[in-house]
């Protein structure tokens, strides 16, 4: 299914076990739910998303465009997919 609309919600609220048809039942899915809910909670409480289970995530700025790519091994990547960003600009 790749990443359909609202796919992040079970991960953010750490209830991936409620959607086995959509998300499967693999332990790594539950671990990702633990990680993502921890990141969202840390950001809500402290204004800083850095939490257990992810590498250091720098604040976003226009120069580095630091982005966290969540997965079994989450990665902080500067200028993620920057080569296609110009293609996404709206023409008006």
PDB file of N, CA and C in Angstrom:
ATOM      1  N   UNK A   1       0.809  -1.216   0.000  1.00  0.00           N
ATOM      2  CA  UNK A   1       0.000   0.000   0.000  1.00  0.00           C
ATOM      3  C   UNK A   1       0.842   1.267   0.000  1.00  0.00           C
ATOM      4  N   UNK A   2       2.153   1.108   0.143  1.00  0.00           N
ATOM      5  CA  UNK A   2       3.065   2.262   0.206  1.00  0.00           C
ATOM      6  C   UNK A   2       2.690   3.129   1.406  1.00  0.00           C
ATOM      7  N   UNK A   3       2.161   4.337   1.168  1.00  0.00           N
ATOM      8  CA  UNK A   3       1.869   5.246   2.275  1.00  0.00           C
ATOM      9  C   UNK A   3       0.555   5.998   2.026  1.00  0.00           C
ATOM     10  N   UNK A   4      -0.576   5.334   2.212  1.00  0.00           N
ATOM     11  CA  UNK A   4      -1.853   6.011   1.980  1.00  0.00           C
ATOM     12  C   UNK A   4      -2.134   7.090   3.029  1.00  0.00           C
ATOM     13  N   UNK A   5      -3.050   7.953   2.707  1.00  0.00           N
ATOM     14  CA  UNK A   5      -3.476   9.025   3.608  1.00  0.00           C
ATOM     15  C   UNK A   5      -3.832   8.461   4.981  1.00  0.00           C
ATOM     16  N   UNK A   6      -3.387   9.072   6.007  1.00  0.00           N
ATOM     17  CA  UNK A   6      -3.607   8.750   7.429  1.00  0.00           C
ATOM     18  C   UNK A   6      -2.841   7.511   7.909  1.00  0.00           C
ATOM     19  N   UNK A   7      -1.939   6.992   7.127  1.00  0.00           N
ATOM     20  CA  UNK A   7      -1.175   5.805   7.518  1.00  0.00           C
ATOM     21  C   UNK A   7      -0.360   6.034   8.792  1.00  0.00           C
ATOM     22  N   UNK A   8       0.022   7.280   9.061  1.00  0.00           N
ATOM     23  CA  UNK A   8       0.858   7.573  10.230  1.00  0.00           C
ATOM     24  C   UNK A   8       0.099   7.526  11.549  1.00  0.00           C
ATOM     25  N   UNK A   9      -1.211   7.650  11.526  1.00  0.00           N
ATOM     26  CA  UNK A   9      -1.988   7.782  12.760  1.00  0.00           C
ATOM     27  C   UNK A   9      -1.803   6.601  13.720  1.00  0.00           C
ATOM     28  N   UNK A  10      -1.873   5.349  13.273  1.00  0.00           N
ATOM     29  CA  UNK A  10      -1.656   4.258  14.231  1.00  0.00           C
ATOM     30  C   UNK A  10      -0.254   4.265  14.834  1.00  0.00           C
ATOM     31  N   UNK A  11       0.724   4.774  14.085  1.00  0.00           N
ATOM     32  CA  UNK A  11       2.089   4.846  14.605  1.00  0.00           C
ATOM     33  C   UNK A  11       2.227   5.980  15.615  1.00  0.00           C
ATOM     34  N   UNK A  12       1.670   7.128  15.305  1.00  0.00           N
ATOM     35  CA  UNK A  12       1.748   8.290  16.190  1.00  0.00           C
ATOM     36  C   UNK A  12       1.095   8.007  17.536  1.00  0.00           C
ATOM     37  N   UNK A  13      -0.042   7.317  17.524  1.00  0.00           N
ATOM     38  CA  UNK A  13      -0.762   7.034  18.762  1.00  0.00           C
ATOM     39  C   UNK A  13      -0.457   5.641  19.317  1.00  0.00           C
ATOM     40  N   UNK A  14       0.538   4.983  18.716  1.00  0.00           N
ATOM     41  CA  UNK A  14       1.023   3.678  19.170  1.00  0.00           C
ATOM     42  C   UNK A  14      -0.118   2.671  19.363  1.00  0.00           C
ATOM     43  N   UNK A  15      -0.952   2.578  18.332  1.00  0.00           N
ATOM     44  CA  UNK A  15      -1.990   1.544  18.374  1.00  0.00           C
ATOM     45  C   UNK A  15      -2.009   0.745  17.069  1.00  0.00           C
ATOM     46  N   UNK A  16      -0.812   0.386  16.611  1.00  0.00           N
ATOM     47  CA  UNK A  16      -0.701  -0.377  15.366  1.00  0.00           C
ATOM     48  C   UNK A  16      -1.360  -1.741  15.466  1.00  0.00           C
ATOM     49  N   UNK A  17      -1.530  -2.242  16.682  1.00  0.00           N
ATOM     50  CA  UNK A  17      -2.190  -3.536  16.853  1.00  0.00           C
ATOM     51  C   UNK A  17      -3.671  -3.484  16.487  1.00  0.00           C
ATOM     52  N   UNK A  18      -4.234  -2.279  16.350  1.00  0.00           N
ATOM     53  CA  UNK A  18      -5.655  -2.139  16.003  1.00  0.00           C
ATOM     54  C   UNK A  18      -5.903  -2.255  14.499  1.00  0.00           C
ATOM     55  N   UNK A  19      -4.840  -2.278  13.696  1.00  0.00           N
ATOM     56  CA  UNK A  19      -5.025  -2.318  12.246  1.00  0.00           C
ATOM     57  C   UNK A  19      -4.204  -3.388  11.556  1.00  0.00           C
ATOM     58  N   UNK A  20      -4.331  -4.656  11.955  1.00  0.00           N
ATOM     59  CA  UNK A  20      -3.488  -5.690  11.359  1.00  0.00           C
ATOM     60  C   UNK A  20      -3.716  -5.892   9.856  1.00  0.00           C
ATOM     61  N   UNK A  21      -4.913  -5.611   9.373  1.00  0.00           N
ATOM     62  CA  UNK A  21      -5.170  -5.793   7.939  1.00  0.00           C
ATOM     63  C   UNK A  21      -4.367  -4.780   7.130  1.00  0.00           C
ATOM     64  N   UNK A  22      -4.285  -3.567   7.608  1.00  0.00           N
ATOM     65  CA  UNK A  22      -3.551  -2.509   6.922  1.00  0.00           C
ATOM     66  C   UNK A  22      -2.055  -2.561   7.214  1.00  0.00           C
ATOM     67  N   UNK A  23      -1.687  -2.864   8.464  1.00  0.00           N
ATOM     68  CA  UNK A  23      -0.299  -2.737   8.898  1.00  0.00           C
ATOM     69  C   UNK A  23       0.438  -4.043   9.097  1.00  0.00           C
ATOM     70  N   UNK A  24      -0.269  -5.148   9.120  1.00  0.00           N
ATOM     71  CA  UNK A  24       0.369  -6.424   9.394  1.00  0.00           C
ATOM     72  C   UNK A  24       0.554  -6.628  10.889  1.00  0.00           C
ATOM     73  N   UNK A  25       1.246  -7.687  11.248  1.00  0.00           N
ATOM     74  CA  UNK A  25       1.423  -8.009  12.664  1.00  0.00           C
ATOM     75  C   UNK A  25       2.889  -8.194  13.047  1.00  0.00           C
ATOM     76  N   UNK A  26       3.795  -7.781  12.203  1.00  0.00           N
ATOM     77  CA  UNK A  26       5.220  -7.944  12.467  1.00  0.00           C
ATOM     78  C   UNK A  26       5.668  -7.132  13.687  1.00  0.00           C
ATOM     79  N   UNK A  27       6.571  -7.702  14.464  1.00  0.00           N
ATOM     80  CA  UNK A  27       7.077  -7.001  15.664  1.00  0.00           C
ATOM     81  C   UNK A  27       7.727  -5.666  15.324  1.00  0.00           C
ATOM     82  N   UNK A  28       8.361  -5.595  14.153  1.00  0.00           N
ATOM     83  CA  UNK A  28       9.019  -4.342  13.771  1.00  0.00           C
ATOM     84  C   UNK A  28       8.000  -3.212  13.607  1.00  0.00           C
ATOM     85  N   UNK A  29       6.772  -3.556  13.206  1.00  0.00           N
ATOM     86  CA  UNK A  29       5.715  -2.544  13.089  1.00  0.00           C
ATOM     87  C   UNK A  29       5.366  -1.993  14.474  1.00  0.00           C
ATOM     88  N   UNK A  30       5.288  -2.863  15.443  1.00  0.00           N
ATOM     89  CA  UNK A  30       5.004  -2.410  16.817  1.00  0.00           C
ATOM     90  C   UNK A  30       6.147  -1.570  17.369  1.00  0.00           C
ATOM     91  N   UNK A  31       7.379  -1.962  17.067  1.00  0.00           N
ATOM     92  CA  UNK A  31       8.535  -1.164  17.524  1.00  0.00           C
ATOM     93  C   UNK A  31       8.506   0.231  16.898  1.00  0.00           C
ATOM     94  N   UNK A  32       8.147   0.295  15.618  1.00  0.00           N
ATOM     95  CA  UNK A  32       8.054   1.594  14.958  1.00  0.00           C
ATOM     96  C   UNK A  32       6.951   2.434  15.601  1.00  0.00           C
ATOM     97  N   UNK A  33       5.851   1.816  15.986  1.00  0.00           N
ATOM     98  CA  UNK A  33       4.797   2.537  16.710  1.00  0.00           C
ATOM     99  C   UNK A  33       5.311   3.089  18.030  1.00  0.00           C
ATOM    100  N   UNK A  34       6.092   2.301  18.759  1.00  0.00           N
ATOM    101  CA  UNK A  34       6.693   2.779  20.014  1.00  0.00           C
ATOM    102  C   UNK A  34       7.597   3.981  19.755  1.00  0.00           C
ATOM    103  N   UNK A  35       8.425   3.851  18.727  1.00  0.00           N
ATOM    104  CA  UNK A  35       9.374   4.923  18.403  1.00  0.00           C
ATOM    105  C   UNK A  35       8.650   6.193  17.993  1.00  0.00           C
ATOM    106  N   UNK A  36       7.735   6.083  17.036  1.00  0.00           N
ATOM    107  CA  UNK A  36       7.063   7.285  16.535  1.00  0.00           C
ATOM    108  C   UNK A  36       6.211   7.957  17.597  1.00  0.00           C
ATOM    109  N   UNK A  37       5.523   7.193  18.419  1.00  0.00           N
ATOM    110  CA  UNK A  37       4.725   7.835  19.471  1.00  0.00           C
ATOM    111  C   UNK A  37       5.645   8.525  20.473  1.00  0.00           C
ATOM    112  N   UNK A  38       6.823   7.946  20.727  1.00  0.00           N
ATOM    113  CA  UNK A  38       7.792   8.597  21.611  1.00  0.00           C
ATOM    114  C   UNK A  38       8.302   9.907  21.047  1.00  0.00           C
ATOM    115  N   UNK A  39       8.528   9.931  19.742  1.00  0.00           N
ATOM    116  CA  UNK A  39       8.998  11.151  19.077  1.00  0.00           C
ATOM    117  C   UNK A  39       7.922  12.239  19.135  1.00  0.00           C
ATOM    118  N   UNK A  40       6.689  11.889  18.812  1.00  0.00           N
ATOM    119  CA  UNK A  40       5.600  12.863  18.848  1.00  0.00           C
ATOM    120  C   UNK A  40       5.362  13.359  20.280  1.00  0.00           C
ATOM    121  N   UNK A  41       5.439  12.469  21.235  1.00  0.00           N
ATOM    122  CA  UNK A  41       5.244  12.867  22.633  1.00  0.00           C
ATOM    123  C   UNK A  41       6.349  13.806  23.088  1.00  0.00           C
ATOM    124  N   UNK A  42       7.593  13.483  22.743  1.00  0.00           N
ATOM    125  CA  UNK A  42       8.716  14.352  23.107  1.00  0.00           C
ATOM    126  C   UNK A  42       8.541  15.733  22.490  1.00  0.00           C
ATOM    127  N   UNK A  43       8.120  15.774  21.235  1.00  0.00           N
ATOM    128  CA  UNK A  43       7.928  17.061  20.572  1.00  0.00           C
ATOM    129  C   UNK A  43       6.798  17.859  21.228  1.00  0.00           C
ATOM    130  N   UNK A  44       5.712  17.179  21.568  1.00  0.00           N
ATOM    131  CA  UNK A  44       4.587  17.870  22.219  1.00  0.00           C
ATOM    132  C   UNK A  44       4.977  18.394  23.596  1.00  0.00           C
ATOM    133  N   UNK A  45       5.756  17.627  24.344  1.00  0.00           N
ATOM    134  CA  UNK A  45       6.128  18.037  25.705  1.00  0.00           C
ATOM    135  C   UNK A  45       7.225  19.087  25.738  1.00  0.00           C
ATOM    136  N   UNK A  46       8.252  18.873  24.918  1.00  0.00           N
ATOM    137  CA  UNK A  46       9.474  19.683  25.020  1.00  0.00           C
ATOM    138  C   UNK A  46       9.744  20.581  23.819  1.00  0.00           C
ATOM    139  N   UNK A  47       9.017  20.376  22.727  1.00  0.00           N
ATOM    140  CA  UNK A  47       9.311  21.127  21.514  1.00  0.00           C
ATOM    141  C   UNK A  47      10.524  20.585  20.781  1.00  0.00           C
ATOM    142  N   UNK A  48      10.973  19.394  21.163  1.00  0.00           N
ATOM    143  CA  UNK A  48      12.148  18.752  20.575  1.00  0.00           C
ATOM    144  C   UNK A  48      11.791  17.287  20.318  1.00  0.00           C
ATOM    145  N   UNK A  49      11.816  16.843  19.063  1.00  0.00           N
ATOM    146  CA  UNK A  49      11.383  15.482  18.770  1.00  0.00           C
ATOM    147  C   UNK A  49      12.406  14.396  19.105  1.00  0.00           C
ATOM    148  N   UNK A  50      13.605  14.767  19.497  1.00  0.00           N
ATOM    149  CA  UNK A  50      14.625  13.756  19.777  1.00  0.00           C
ATOM    150  C   UNK A  50      14.188  12.889  20.941  1.00  0.00           C
ATOM    151  N   UNK A  51      14.163  11.582  20.680  1.00  0.00           N
ATOM    152  CA  UNK A  51      13.698  10.611  21.660  1.00  0.00           C
ATOM    153  C   UNK A  51      14.439   9.298  21.430  1.00  0.00           C
ATOM    154  N   UNK A  52      14.248   8.384  22.344  1.00  0.00           N
ATOM    155  CA  UNK A  52      14.858   7.058  22.230  1.00  0.00           C
ATOM    156  C   UNK A  52      14.417   6.396  20.925  1.00  0.00           C
ATOM    157  N   UNK A  53      15.346   5.750  20.254  1.00  0.00           N
ATOM    158  CA  UNK A  53      15.014   4.985  19.066  1.00  0.00           C
ATOM    159  C   UNK A  53      15.297   5.670  17.744  1.00  0.00           C
ATOM    160  N   UNK A  54      15.718   6.944  17.787  1.00  0.00           N
ATOM    161  CA  UNK A  54      16.060   7.632  16.541  1.00  0.00           C
ATOM    162  C   UNK A  54      17.434   8.277  16.683  1.00  0.00           C
ATOM    163  N   UNK A  55      18.125   8.484  15.557  1.00  0.00           N
ATOM    164  CA  UNK A  55      19.379   9.231  15.628  1.00  0.00           C
ATOM    165  C   UNK A  55      19.104  10.704  15.904  1.00  0.00           C
ATOM    166  N   UNK A  56      20.125  11.451  16.241  1.00  0.00           N
ATOM    167  CA  UNK A  56      19.976  12.891  16.513  1.00  0.00           C
ATOM    168  C   UNK A  56      19.310  13.561  15.315  1.00  0.00           C
ATOM    169  N   UNK A  57      18.251  14.322  15.595  1.00  0.00           N
ATOM    170  CA  UNK A  57      17.482  15.008  14.558  1.00  0.00           C
ATOM    171  C   UNK A  57      17.641  16.506  14.771  1.00  0.00           C
ATOM    172  N   UNK A  58      18.386  17.135  13.866  1.00  0.00           N
ATOM    173  CA  UNK A  58      18.615  18.583  13.957  1.00  0.00           C
ATOM    174  C   UNK A  58      17.321  19.333  13.632  1.00  0.00           C
ATOM    175  N   UNK A  59      17.187  20.545  14.174  1.00  0.00           N
ATOM    176  CA  UNK A  59      16.033  21.366  13.778  1.00  0.00           C
ATOM    177  C   UNK A  59      16.066  21.648  12.274  1.00  0.00           C
ATOM    178  N   UNK A  60      14.903  21.721  11.684  1.00  0.00           N
ATOM    179  CA  UNK A  60      14.791  21.997  10.257  1.00  0.00           C
ATOM    180  C   UNK A  60      15.162  23.449   9.988  1.00  0.00           C
ATOM    181  N   UNK A  61      15.944  23.651   8.954  1.00  0.00           N
ATOM    182  CA  UNK A  61      16.180  25.001   8.449  1.00  0.00           C
ATOM    183  C   UNK A  61      16.298  24.906   6.930  1.00  0.00           C
ATOM    184  N   UNK A  62      16.219  26.027   6.272  1.00  0.00           N
ATOM    185  CA  UNK A  62      16.165  26.043   4.812  1.00  0.00           C
ATOM    186  C   UNK A  62      17.467  25.568   4.180  1.00  0.00           C
ATOM    187  N   UNK A  63      18.585  25.655   4.909  1.00  0.00           N
ATOM    188  CA  UNK A  63      19.860  25.217   4.352  1.00  0.00           C
ATOM    189  C   UNK A  63      20.033  23.700   4.416  1.00  0.00           C
ATOM    190  N   UNK A  64      19.793  23.101   5.585  1.00  0.00           N
ATOM    191  CA  UNK A  64      20.033  21.656   5.715  1.00  0.00           C
ATOM    192  C   UNK A  64      18.794  20.815   5.419  1.00  0.00           C
ATOM    193  N   UNK A  65      17.612  21.358   5.671  1.00  0.00           N
ATOM    194  CA  UNK A  65      16.354  20.632   5.450  1.00  0.00           C
ATOM    195  C   UNK A  65      16.387  19.247   6.097  1.00  0.00           C
ATOM    196  N   UNK A  66      16.812  19.197   7.365  1.00  0.00           N
ATOM    197  CA  UNK A  66      16.931  17.937   8.094  1.00  0.00           C
ATOM    198  C   UNK A  66      15.576  17.236   8.170  1.00  0.00           C
ATOM    199  N   UNK A  67      15.538  15.994   7.737  1.00  0.00           N
ATOM    200  CA  UNK A  67      14.316  15.207   7.684  1.00  0.00           C
ATOM    201  C   UNK A  67      14.579  13.841   8.308  1.00  0.00           C
ATOM    202  N   UNK A  68      13.646  13.356   9.122  1.00  0.00           N
ATOM    203  CA  UNK A  68      13.764  12.014   9.682  1.00  0.00           C
ATOM    204  C   UNK A  68      12.980  11.060   8.795  1.00  0.00           C
ATOM    205  N   UNK A  69      13.636  10.012   8.348  1.00  0.00           N
ATOM    206  CA  UNK A  69      12.990   8.964   7.570  1.00  0.00           C
ATOM    207  C   UNK A  69      12.822   7.790   8.524  1.00  0.00           C
ATOM    208  N   UNK A  70      11.579   7.532   8.920  1.00  0.00           N
ATOM    209  CA  UNK A  70      11.277   6.502   9.902  1.00  0.00           C
ATOM    210  C   UNK A  70      11.220   5.131   9.256  1.00  0.00           C
ATOM    211  N   UNK A  71      11.722   4.138   9.960  1.00  0.00           N
ATOM    212  CA  UNK A  71      11.687   2.763   9.499  1.00  0.00           C
ATOM    213  C   UNK A  71      12.337   1.866  10.535  1.00  0.00           C
ATOM    214  N   UNK A  72      12.634   0.630  10.139  1.00  0.00           N
ATOM    215  CA  UNK A  72      13.309  -0.276  11.066  1.00  0.00           C
ATOM    216  C   UNK A  72      14.618   0.321  11.560  1.00  0.00           C
ATOM    217  N   UNK A  73      15.276   1.065  10.709  1.00  0.00           N
ATOM    218  CA  UNK A  73      16.472   1.818  11.075  1.00  0.00           C
ATOM    219  C   UNK A  73      16.248   3.252  10.609  1.00  0.00           C
ATOM    220  N   UNK A  74      15.663   4.060  11.462  1.00  0.00           N
ATOM    221  CA  UNK A  74      15.365   5.443  11.104  1.00  0.00           C
ATOM    222  C   UNK A  74      16.654   6.192  10.816  1.00  0.00           C
ATOM    223  N   UNK A  75      16.562   7.159   9.887  1.00  0.00           N
ATOM    224  CA  UNK A  75      17.736   7.921   9.474  1.00  0.00           C
ATOM    225  C   UNK A  75      17.391   9.403   9.410  1.00  0.00           C
ATOM    226  N   UNK A  76      18.308  10.227   9.897  1.00  0.00           N
ATOM    227  CA  UNK A  76      18.200  11.676   9.727  1.00  0.00           C
ATOM    228  C   UNK A  76      18.963  12.018   8.453  1.00  0.00           C
ATOM    229  N   UNK A  77      18.291  12.649   7.511  1.00  0.00           N
ATOM    230  CA  UNK A  77      18.899  12.928   6.214  1.00  0.00           C
ATOM    231  C   UNK A  77      18.734  14.410   5.893  1.00  0.00           C
ATOM    232  N   UNK A  78      19.829  15.048   5.518  1.00  0.00           N
ATOM    233  CA  UNK A  78      19.761  16.432   5.072  1.00  0.00           C
ATOM    234  C   UNK A  78      19.328  16.462   3.611  1.00  0.00           C
ATOM    235  N   UNK A  79      18.487  17.429   3.284  1.00  0.00           N
ATOM    236  CA  UNK A  79      18.013  17.661   1.921  1.00  0.00           C
ATOM    237  C   UNK A  79      17.440  16.392   1.286  1.00  0.00           C
ATOM    238  N   UNK A  80      16.614  15.697   2.027  1.00  0.00           N
ATOM    239  CA  UNK A  80      16.025  14.442   1.562  1.00  0.00           C
ATOM    240  C   UNK A  80      15.263  14.658   0.256  1.00  0.00           C
ATOM    241  N   UNK A  81      15.593  13.880  -0.730  1.00  0.00           N
ATOM    242  CA  UNK A  81      14.981  13.934  -2.061  1.00  0.00           C
ATOM    243  C   UNK A  81      15.073  15.330  -2.676  1.00  0.00           C
ATOM    244  N   UNK A  82      16.125  16.041  -2.340  1.00  0.00           N
ATOM    245  CA  UNK A  82      16.318  17.407  -2.834  1.00  0.00           C
ATOM    246  C   UNK A  82      16.404  17.505  -4.342  1.00  0.00           C
ATOM    247  N   UNK A  83      16.813  16.431  -4.982  1.00  0.00           N
ATOM    248  CA  UNK A  83      16.932  16.458  -6.435  1.00  0.00           C
ATOM    249  C   UNK A  83      15.583  16.537  -7.141  1.00  0.00           C
ATOM    250  N   UNK A  84      14.513  16.121  -6.463  1.00  0.00           N
ATOM    251  CA  UNK A  84      13.198  16.204  -7.121  1.00  0.00           C
ATOM    252  C   UNK A  84      12.358  17.380  -6.625  1.00  0.00           C
ATOM    253  N   UNK A  85      12.831  18.079  -5.594  1.00  0.00           N
ATOM    254  CA  UNK A  85      12.054  19.204  -5.053  1.00  0.00           C
ATOM    255  C   UNK A  85      11.683  20.225  -6.133  1.00  0.00           C
ATOM    256  N   UNK A  86      12.603  20.599  -7.039  1.00  0.00           N
ATOM    257  CA  UNK A  86      12.222  21.569  -8.077  1.00  0.00           C
ATOM    258  C   UNK A  86      11.065  21.087  -8.958  1.00  0.00           C
ATOM    259  N   UNK A  87      10.920  19.781  -9.115  1.00  0.00           N
ATOM    260  CA  UNK A  87       9.840  19.259  -9.938  1.00  0.00           C
ATOM    261  C   UNK A  87       8.474  19.396  -9.263  1.00  0.00           C
ATOM    262  N   UNK A  88       8.479  19.557  -7.939  1.00  0.00           N
ATOM    263  CA  UNK A  88       7.231  19.631  -7.185  1.00  0.00           C
ATOM    264  C   UNK A  88       6.682  21.053  -7.044  1.00  0.00           C
ATOM    265  N   UNK A  89       7.462  22.023  -7.433  1.00  0.00           N
ATOM    266  CA  UNK A  89       7.008  23.422  -7.327  1.00  0.00           C
ATOM    267  C   UNK A  89       5.827  23.682  -8.236  1.00  0.00           C
ATOM    268  N   UNK A  90       4.872  24.393  -7.702  1.00  0.00           N
ATOM    269  CA  UNK A  90       3.693  24.752  -8.498  1.00  0.00           C
ATOM    270  C   UNK A  90       4.031  25.892  -9.444  1.00  0.00           C
ATOM    271  N   UNK A  91       3.512  25.788 -10.597  1.00  0.00           N
ATOM    272  CA  UNK A  91       3.673  26.872 -11.583  1.00  0.00           C
ATOM    273  C   UNK A  91       2.384  27.673 -11.599  1.00  0.00           C
ATOM    274  N   UNK A  92       2.502  28.978 -11.608  1.00  0.00           N
ATOM    275  CA  UNK A  92       1.278  29.751 -11.558  1.00  0.00           C
ATOM    276  C   UNK A  92       1.290  30.945 -12.336  1.00  0.00           C
TER     277      UNK A  92
END
